Amino acid sequence: MTKARVPLTFSLAITTVVGLIGWDQAAKITHRSKRAVRYWSESDKAPAPTLDQAMALDRAFIEAGGGFAPILESYARQLDV
């Protein structure tokens, strides 16, 4: 089942990052299990990456060819709302 993710949420940003770098790479970068990273991508779950983990994920996304930092953009949009 596909879960709906609100556009301004961190869960959507994590999903965007993982869509490019993959679950295995995201888990490796953050030193967490793939399941932990999957929880971060689910809007109905409470946990979220630390700031260091979020920066590492954004950096990996950009290095893999992404044109922006999804988690940073999500945070910035939430501040503007």
PDB file of N, CA and C in Angstrom:
ATOM      1  N   MET A   1       0.839  -1.172   0.000  1.00  0.00           N
ATOM      2  CA  MET A   1       0.000   0.000   0.000  1.00  0.00           C
ATOM      3  C   MET A   1       0.889   1.241   0.000  1.00  0.00           C
ATOM      4  N   THR A   2       0.576   2.200  -0.828  1.00  0.00           N
ATOM      5  CA  THR A   2       1.304   3.453  -0.885  1.00  0.00           C
ATOM      6  C   THR A   2       0.715   4.430   0.126  1.00  0.00           C
ATOM      7  N   LYS A   3       1.598   5.033   0.921  1.00  0.00           N
ATOM      8  CA  LYS A   3       1.139   5.998   1.920  1.00  0.00           C
ATOM      9  C   LYS A   3       1.193   7.398   1.333  1.00  0.00           C
ATOM     10  N   ALA A   4       0.191   8.189   1.672  1.00  0.00           N
ATOM     11  CA  ALA A   4       0.183   9.585   1.247  1.00  0.00           C
ATOM     12  C   ALA A   4       1.202  10.348   2.086  1.00  0.00           C
ATOM     13  N   ARG A   5       1.956  11.220   1.441  1.00  0.00           N
ATOM     14  CA  ARG A   5       2.933  12.030   2.152  1.00  0.00           C
ATOM     15  C   ARG A   5       2.693  13.490   1.806  1.00  0.00           C
ATOM     16  N   VAL A   6       2.499  14.278   2.833  1.00  0.00           N
ATOM     17  CA  VAL A   6       2.254  15.705   2.649  1.00  0.00           C
ATOM     18  C   VAL A   6       3.510  16.344   2.062  1.00  0.00           C
ATOM     19  N   PRO A   7       3.387  17.230   1.071  1.00  0.00           N
ATOM     20  CA  PRO A   7       4.558  17.787   0.372  1.00  0.00           C
ATOM     21  C   PRO A   7       5.589  18.480   1.252  1.00  0.00           C
ATOM     22  N   LEU A   8       5.208  19.029   2.367  1.00  0.00           N
ATOM     23  CA  LEU A   8       6.162  19.769   3.186  1.00  0.00           C
ATOM     24  C   LEU A   8       6.836  18.924   4.261  1.00  0.00           C
ATOM     25  N   THR A   9       6.566  17.636   4.295  1.00  0.00           N
ATOM     26  CA  THR A   9       7.043  16.815   5.394  1.00  0.00           C
ATOM     27  C   THR A   9       8.449  16.265   5.166  1.00  0.00           C
ATOM     28  N   PHE A  10       9.091  15.939   6.269  1.00  0.00           N
ATOM     29  CA  PHE A  10      10.389  15.291   6.202  1.00  0.00           C
ATOM     30  C   PHE A  10      10.256  13.889   5.613  1.00  0.00           C
ATOM     31  N   SER A  11       9.123  13.230   5.859  1.00  0.00           N
ATOM     32  CA  SER A  11       8.954  11.877   5.311  1.00  0.00           C
ATOM     33  C   SER A  11       9.008  11.889   3.786  1.00  0.00           C
ATOM     34  N   LEU A  12       8.434  12.884   3.155  1.00  0.00           N
ATOM     35  CA  LEU A  12       8.508  12.983   1.697  1.00  0.00           C
ATOM     36  C   LEU A  12       9.938  13.294   1.257  1.00  0.00           C
ATOM     37  N   ALA A  13      10.630  14.127   2.015  1.00  0.00           N
ATOM     38  CA  ALA A  13      12.021  14.445   1.686  1.00  0.00           C
ATOM     39  C   ALA A  13      12.903  13.199   1.777  1.00  0.00           C
ATOM     40  N   ILE A  14      12.703  12.393   2.807  1.00  0.00           N
ATOM     41  CA  ILE A  14      13.459  11.151   2.949  1.00  0.00           C
ATOM     42  C   ILE A  14      13.142  10.223   1.781  1.00  0.00           C
ATOM     43  N   THR A  15      11.864  10.130   1.426  1.00  0.00           N
ATOM     44  CA  THR A  15      11.448   9.292   0.301  1.00  0.00           C
ATOM     45  C   THR A  15      12.118   9.759  -0.990  1.00  0.00           C
ATOM     46  N   THR A  16      12.236  11.055  -1.179  1.00  0.00           N
ATOM     47  CA  THR A  16      12.896  11.610  -2.358  1.00  0.00           C
ATOM     48  C   THR A  16      14.371  11.221  -2.383  1.00  0.00           C
ATOM     49  N   VAL A  17      15.040  11.369  -1.258  1.00  0.00           N
ATOM     50  CA  VAL A  17      16.460  11.017  -1.167  1.00  0.00           C
ATOM     51  C   VAL A  17      16.654   9.535  -1.480  1.00  0.00           C
ATOM     52  N   VAL A  18      15.882   8.703  -0.827  1.00  0.00           N
ATOM     53  CA  VAL A  18      16.029   7.257  -0.991  1.00  0.00           C
ATOM     54  C   VAL A  18      15.669   6.820  -2.408  1.00  0.00           C
ATOM     55  N   GLY A  19      14.779   7.539  -3.045  1.00  0.00           N
ATOM     56  CA  GLY A  19      14.442   7.223  -4.424  1.00  0.00           C
ATOM     57  C   GLY A  19      15.640   7.323  -5.351  1.00  0.00           C
ATOM     58  N   LEU A  20      16.602   8.154  -5.004  1.00  0.00           N
ATOM     59  CA  LEU A  20      17.804   8.316  -5.828  1.00  0.00           C
ATOM     60  C   LEU A  20      18.966   7.462  -5.327  1.00  0.00           C
ATOM     61  N   ILE A  21      19.212   7.459  -4.018  1.00  0.00           N
ATOM     62  CA  ILE A  21      20.405   6.763  -3.510  1.00  0.00           C
ATOM     63  C   ILE A  21      20.127   5.336  -3.047  1.00  0.00           C
ATOM     64  N   GLY A  22      18.897   4.988  -2.764  1.00  0.00           N
ATOM     65  CA  GLY A  22      18.552   3.639  -2.326  1.00  0.00           C
ATOM     66  C   GLY A  22      18.576   3.472  -0.814  1.00  0.00           C
ATOM     67  N   TRP A  23      17.840   2.462  -0.361  1.00  0.00           N
ATOM     68  CA  TRP A  23      17.721   2.187   1.078  1.00  0.00           C
ATOM     69  C   TRP A  23      19.053   1.758   1.675  1.00  0.00           C
ATOM     70  N   ASP A  24      19.785   0.893   0.963  1.00  0.00           N
ATOM     71  CA  ASP A  24      21.061   0.398   1.495  1.00  0.00           C
ATOM     72  C   ASP A  24      22.048   1.531   1.726  1.00  0.00           C
ATOM     73  N   GLN A  25      22.164   2.426   0.750  1.00  0.00           N
ATOM     74  CA  GLN A  25      23.092   3.548   0.874  1.00  0.00           C
ATOM     75  C   GLN A  25      22.646   4.502   1.981  1.00  0.00           C
ATOM     76  N   ALA A  26      21.348   4.759   2.076  1.00  0.00           N
ATOM     77  CA  ALA A  26      20.834   5.645   3.138  1.00  0.00           C
ATOM     78  C   ALA A  26      21.141   5.058   4.513  1.00  0.00           C
ATOM     79  N   ALA A  27      20.969   3.759   4.659  1.00  0.00           N
ATOM     80  CA  ALA A  27      21.260   3.100   5.939  1.00  0.00           C
ATOM     81  C   ALA A  27      22.758   3.182   6.254  1.00  0.00           C
ATOM     82  N   LYS A  28      23.579   2.952   5.246  1.00  0.00           N
ATOM     83  CA  LYS A  28      25.027   3.007   5.437  1.00  0.00           C
ATOM     84  C   LYS A  28      25.482   4.406   5.853  1.00  0.00           C
ATOM     85  N   ILE A  29      24.978   5.417   5.157  1.00  0.00           N
ATOM     86  CA  ILE A  29      25.362   6.809   5.429  1.00  0.00           C
ATOM     87  C   ILE A  29      24.983   7.229   6.846  1.00  0.00           C
ATOM     88  N   THR A  30      23.819   6.811   7.303  1.00  0.00           N
ATOM     89  CA  THR A  30      23.299   7.258   8.602  1.00  0.00           C
ATOM     90  C   THR A  30      23.666   6.324   9.755  1.00  0.00           C
ATOM     91  N   HIS A  31      24.292   5.188   9.432  1.00  0.00           N
ATOM     92  CA  HIS A  31      24.651   4.192  10.452  1.00  0.00           C
ATOM     93  C   HIS A  31      23.414   3.678  11.185  1.00  0.00           C
ATOM     94  N   ARG A  32      22.349   3.500  10.423  1.00  0.00           N
ATOM     95  CA  ARG A  32      21.096   2.955  10.946  1.00  0.00           C
ATOM     96  C   ARG A  32      20.660   1.796  10.057  1.00  0.00           C
ATOM     97  N   SER A  33      19.716   1.029  10.537  1.00  0.00           N
ATOM     98  CA  SER A  33      19.191  -0.076   9.733  1.00  0.00           C
ATOM     99  C   SER A  33      18.280   0.469   8.633  1.00  0.00           C
ATOM    100  N   LYS A  34      18.083  -0.359   7.602  1.00  0.00           N
ATOM    101  CA  LYS A  34      17.145   0.056   6.549  1.00  0.00           C
ATOM    102  C   LYS A  34      15.764   0.279   7.150  1.00  0.00           C
ATOM    103  N   ARG A  35      15.370  -0.521   8.126  1.00  0.00           N
ATOM    104  CA  ARG A  35      14.051  -0.359   8.747  1.00  0.00           C
ATOM    105  C   ARG A  35      13.944   1.004   9.434  1.00  0.00           C
ATOM    106  N   ALA A  36      14.998   1.435  10.100  1.00  0.00           N
ATOM    107  CA  ALA A  36      14.977   2.742  10.752  1.00  0.00           C
ATOM    108  C   ALA A  36      14.787   3.850   9.719  1.00  0.00           C
ATOM    109  N   VAL A  37      15.489   3.745   8.610  1.00  0.00           N
ATOM    110  CA  VAL A  37      15.350   4.751   7.550  1.00  0.00           C
ATOM    111  C   VAL A  37      13.938   4.692   6.970  1.00  0.00           C
ATOM    112  N   ARG A  38      13.392   3.496   6.826  1.00  0.00           N
ATOM    113  CA  ARG A  38      12.011   3.372   6.328  1.00  0.00           C
ATOM    114  C   ARG A  38      11.030   4.059   7.269  1.00  0.00           C
ATOM    115  N   TYR A  39      11.252   3.944   8.582  1.00  0.00           N
ATOM    116  CA  TYR A  39      10.385   4.650   9.528  1.00  0.00           C
ATOM    117  C   TYR A  39      10.447   6.159   9.307  1.00  0.00           C
ATOM    118  N   TRP A  40      11.627   6.666   9.009  1.00  0.00           N
ATOM    119  CA  TRP A  40      11.757   8.101   8.758  1.00  0.00           C
ATOM    120  C   TRP A  40      10.933   8.525   7.547  1.00  0.00           C
ATOM    121  N   SER A  41      10.730   7.615   6.614  1.00  0.00           N
ATOM    122  CA  SER A  41       9.991   7.957   5.392  1.00  0.00           C
ATOM    123  C   SER A  41       8.481   7.794   5.544  1.00  0.00           C
ATOM    124  N   GLU A  42       8.041   7.362   6.704  1.00  0.00           N
ATOM    125  CA  GLU A  42       6.614   7.156   6.933  1.00  0.00           C
ATOM    126  C   GLU A  42       6.086   8.276   7.824  1.00  0.00           C
ATOM    127  N   SER A  43       5.142   9.038   7.304  1.00  0.00           N
ATOM    128  CA  SER A  43       4.658  10.218   8.017  1.00  0.00           C
ATOM    129  C   SER A  43       3.905   9.889   9.292  1.00  0.00           C
ATOM    130  N   ASP A  44       3.459   8.643   9.444  1.00  0.00           N
ATOM    131  CA  ASP A  44       2.730   8.286  10.663  1.00  0.00           C
ATOM    132  C   ASP A  44       3.645   7.711  11.742  1.00  0.00           C
ATOM    133  N   LYS A  45       4.942   7.766  11.530  1.00  0.00           N
ATOM    134  CA  LYS A  45       5.915   7.303  12.526  1.00  0.00           C
ATOM    135  C   LYS A  45       6.586   8.512  13.153  1.00  0.00           C
ATOM    136  N   ALA A  46       6.953   8.390  14.421  1.00  0.00           N
ATOM    137  CA  ALA A  46       7.503   9.522  15.168  1.00  0.00           C
ATOM    138  C   ALA A  46       8.971   9.829  14.903  1.00  0.00           C
ATOM    139  N   PRO A  47       9.842   8.844  14.700  1.00  0.00           N
ATOM    140  CA  PRO A  47      11.272   9.172  14.628  1.00  0.00           C
ATOM    141  C   PRO A  47      11.644   9.980  13.388  1.00  0.00           C
ATOM    142  N   ALA A  48      12.773  10.658  13.498  1.00  0.00           N
ATOM    143  CA  ALA A  48      13.311  11.441  12.382  1.00  0.00           C
ATOM    144  C   ALA A  48      14.833  11.386  12.487  1.00  0.00           C
ATOM    145  N   PRO A  49      15.525  11.629  11.390  1.00  0.00           N
ATOM    146  CA  PRO A  49      16.993  11.616  11.458  1.00  0.00           C
ATOM    147  C   PRO A  49      17.508  12.791  12.276  1.00  0.00           C
ATOM    148  N   THR A  50      18.713  12.616  12.804  1.00  0.00           N
ATOM    149  CA  THR A  50      19.367  13.733  13.482  1.00  0.00           C
ATOM    150  C   THR A  50      19.772  14.765  12.433  1.00  0.00           C
ATOM    151  N   LEU A  51      20.193  15.924  12.859  1.00  0.00           N
ATOM    152  CA  LEU A  51      20.662  16.941  11.914  1.00  0.00           C
ATOM    153  C   LEU A  51      21.859  16.438  11.113  1.00  0.00           C
ATOM    154  N   ASP A  52      22.794  15.768  11.772  1.00  0.00           N
ATOM    155  CA  ASP A  52      23.959  15.231  11.065  1.00  0.00           C
ATOM    156  C   ASP A  52      23.539  14.192  10.027  1.00  0.00           C
ATOM    157  N   GLN A  53      22.599  13.334  10.381  1.00  0.00           N
ATOM    158  CA  GLN A  53      22.122  12.326   9.434  1.00  0.00           C
ATOM    159  C   GLN A  53      21.384  12.983   8.272  1.00  0.00           C
ATOM    160  N   ALA A  54      20.578  13.999   8.562  1.00  0.00           N
ATOM    161  CA  ALA A  54      19.845  14.706   7.510  1.00  0.00           C
ATOM    162  C   ALA A  54      20.808  15.386   6.545  1.00  0.00           C
ATOM    163  N   MET A  55      21.845  16.021   7.074  1.00  0.00           N
ATOM    164  CA  MET A  55      22.836  16.664   6.204  1.00  0.00           C
ATOM    165  C   MET A  55      23.561  15.633   5.351  1.00  0.00           C
ATOM    166  N   ALA A  56      23.889  14.494   5.931  1.00  0.00           N
ATOM    167  CA  ALA A  56      24.577  13.442   5.181  1.00  0.00           C
ATOM    168  C   ALA A  56      23.686  12.911   4.061  1.00  0.00           C
ATOM    169  N   LEU A  57      22.397  12.759   4.336  1.00  0.00           N
ATOM    170  CA  LEU A  57      21.471  12.285   3.305  1.00  0.00           C
ATOM    171  C   LEU A  57      21.329  13.320   2.191  1.00  0.00           C
ATOM    172  N   ASP A  58      21.172  14.584   2.552  1.00  0.00           N
ATOM    173  CA  ASP A  58      21.087  15.632   1.532  1.00  0.00           C
ATOM    174  C   ASP A  58      22.360  15.677   0.686  1.00  0.00           C
ATOM    175  N   ARG A  59      23.509  15.572   1.336  1.00  0.00           N
ATOM    176  CA  ARG A  59      24.792  15.595   0.628  1.00  0.00           C
ATOM    177  C   ARG A  59      24.889  14.419  -0.346  1.00  0.00           C
ATOM    178  N   ALA A  60      24.490  13.238   0.098  1.00  0.00           N
ATOM    179  CA  ALA A  60      24.537  12.043  -0.761  1.00  0.00           C
ATOM    180  C   ALA A  60      23.586  12.200  -1.947  1.00  0.00           C
ATOM    181  N   PHE A  61      22.432  12.803  -1.719  1.00  0.00           N
ATOM    182  CA  PHE A  61      21.466  13.028  -2.794  1.00  0.00           C
ATOM    183  C   PHE A  61      22.072  13.950  -3.852  1.00  0.00           C
ATOM    184  N   ILE A  62      22.682  15.031  -3.420  1.00  0.00           N
ATOM    185  CA  ILE A  62      23.300  15.980  -4.353  1.00  0.00           C
ATOM    186  C   ILE A  62      24.456  15.317  -5.104  1.00  0.00           C
ATOM    187  N   GLU A  63      25.300  14.575  -4.383  1.00  0.00           N
ATOM    188  CA  GLU A  63      26.440  13.901  -5.017  1.00  0.00           C
ATOM    189  C   GLU A  63      25.996  12.840  -6.019  1.00  0.00           C
ATOM    190  N   ALA A  64      24.787  12.295  -5.826  1.00  0.00           N
ATOM    191  CA  ALA A  64      24.261  11.281  -6.749  1.00  0.00           C
ATOM    192  C   ALA A  64      23.565  11.908  -7.950  1.00  0.00           C
ATOM    193  N   GLY A  65      23.585  13.233  -8.032  1.00  0.00           N
ATOM    194  CA  GLY A  65      23.009  13.906  -9.182  1.00  0.00           C
ATOM    195  C   GLY A  65      21.729  14.664  -8.911  1.00  0.00           C
ATOM    196  N   GLY A  66      21.249  14.633  -7.672  1.00  0.00           N
ATOM    197  CA  GLY A  66      20.055  15.416  -7.325  1.00  0.00           C
ATOM    198  C   GLY A  66      20.386  16.898  -7.387  1.00  0.00           C
ATOM    199  N   GLY A  67      19.464  17.700  -7.817  1.00  0.00           N
ATOM    200  CA  GLY A  67      19.730  19.112  -8.023  1.00  0.00           C
ATOM    201  C   GLY A  67      19.432  20.014  -6.842  1.00  0.00           C
ATOM    202  N   PHE A  68      19.103  19.432  -5.706  1.00  0.00           N
ATOM    203  CA  PHE A  68      18.759  20.235  -4.528  1.00  0.00           C
ATOM    204  C   PHE A  68      18.912  19.368  -3.291  1.00  0.00           C
ATOM    205  N   ALA A  69      18.690  19.930  -2.125  1.00  0.00           N
ATOM    206  CA  ALA A  69      18.765  19.197  -0.855  1.00  0.00           C
ATOM    207  C   ALA A  69      17.340  19.003  -0.325  1.00  0.00           C
ATOM    208  N   PRO A  70      16.735  17.837  -0.530  1.00  0.00           N
ATOM    209  CA  PRO A  70      15.326  17.630  -0.188  1.00  0.00           C
ATOM    210  C   PRO A  70      14.964  17.906   1.274  1.00  0.00           C
ATOM    211  N   ILE A  71      15.799  17.479   2.197  1.00  0.00           N
ATOM    212  CA  ILE A  71      15.471  17.667   3.614  1.00  0.00           C
ATOM    213  C   ILE A  71      15.592  19.141   3.984  1.00  0.00           C
ATOM    214  N   LEU A  72      16.644  19.780   3.517  1.00  0.00           N
ATOM    215  CA  LEU A  72      16.805  21.219   3.753  1.00  0.00           C
ATOM    216  C   LEU A  72      15.645  21.999   3.149  1.00  0.00           C
ATOM    217  N   GLU A  73      15.265  21.666   1.925  1.00  0.00           N
ATOM    218  CA  GLU A  73      14.133  22.345   1.273  1.00  0.00           C
ATOM    219  C   GLU A  73      12.855  22.144   2.060  1.00  0.00           C
ATOM    220  N   SER A  74      12.633  20.945   2.554  1.00  0.00           N
ATOM    221  CA  SER A  74      11.435  20.664   3.340  1.00  0.00           C
ATOM    222  C   SER A  74      11.410  21.531   4.598  1.00  0.00           C
ATOM    223  N   TYR A  75      12.546  21.603   5.287  1.00  0.00           N
ATOM    224  CA  TYR A  75      12.646  22.419   6.486  1.00  0.00           C
ATOM    225  C   TYR A  75      12.381  23.888   6.170  1.00  0.00           C
ATOM    226  N   ALA A  76      12.984  24.385   5.109  1.00  0.00           N
ATOM    227  CA  ALA A  76      12.808  25.784   4.726  1.00  0.00           C
ATOM    228  C   ALA A  76      11.348  26.082   4.386  1.00  0.00           C
ATOM    229  N   ARG A  77      10.692  25.179   3.654  1.00  0.00           N
ATOM    230  CA  ARG A  77       9.289  25.387   3.312  1.00  0.00           C
ATOM    231  C   ARG A  77       8.407  25.390   4.545  1.00  0.00           C
ATOM    232  N   GLN A  78       8.726  24.527   5.503  1.00  0.00           N
ATOM    233  CA  GLN A  78       7.928  24.495   6.722  1.00  0.00           C
ATOM    234  C   GLN A  78       8.061  25.781   7.528  1.00  0.00           C
ATOM    235  N   LEU A  79       9.223  26.414   7.476  1.00  0.00           N
ATOM    236  CA  LEU A  79       9.409  27.685   8.179  1.00  0.00           C
ATOM    237  C   LEU A  79       8.622  28.808   7.504  1.00  0.00           C
ATOM    238  N   ASP A  80       8.469  28.734   6.180  1.00  0.00           N
ATOM    239  CA  ASP A  80       7.756  29.768   5.437  1.00  0.00           C
ATOM    240  C   ASP A  80       6.245  29.660   5.566  1.00  0.00           C
ATOM    241  N   VAL A  81       5.752  28.520   6.013  1.00  0.00           N
ATOM    242  CA  VAL A  81       4.292  28.306   6.073  1.00  0.00           C
ATOM    243  C   VAL A  81       3.712  29.071   7.234  1.00  0.00           C
TER     244      VAL A  81
END
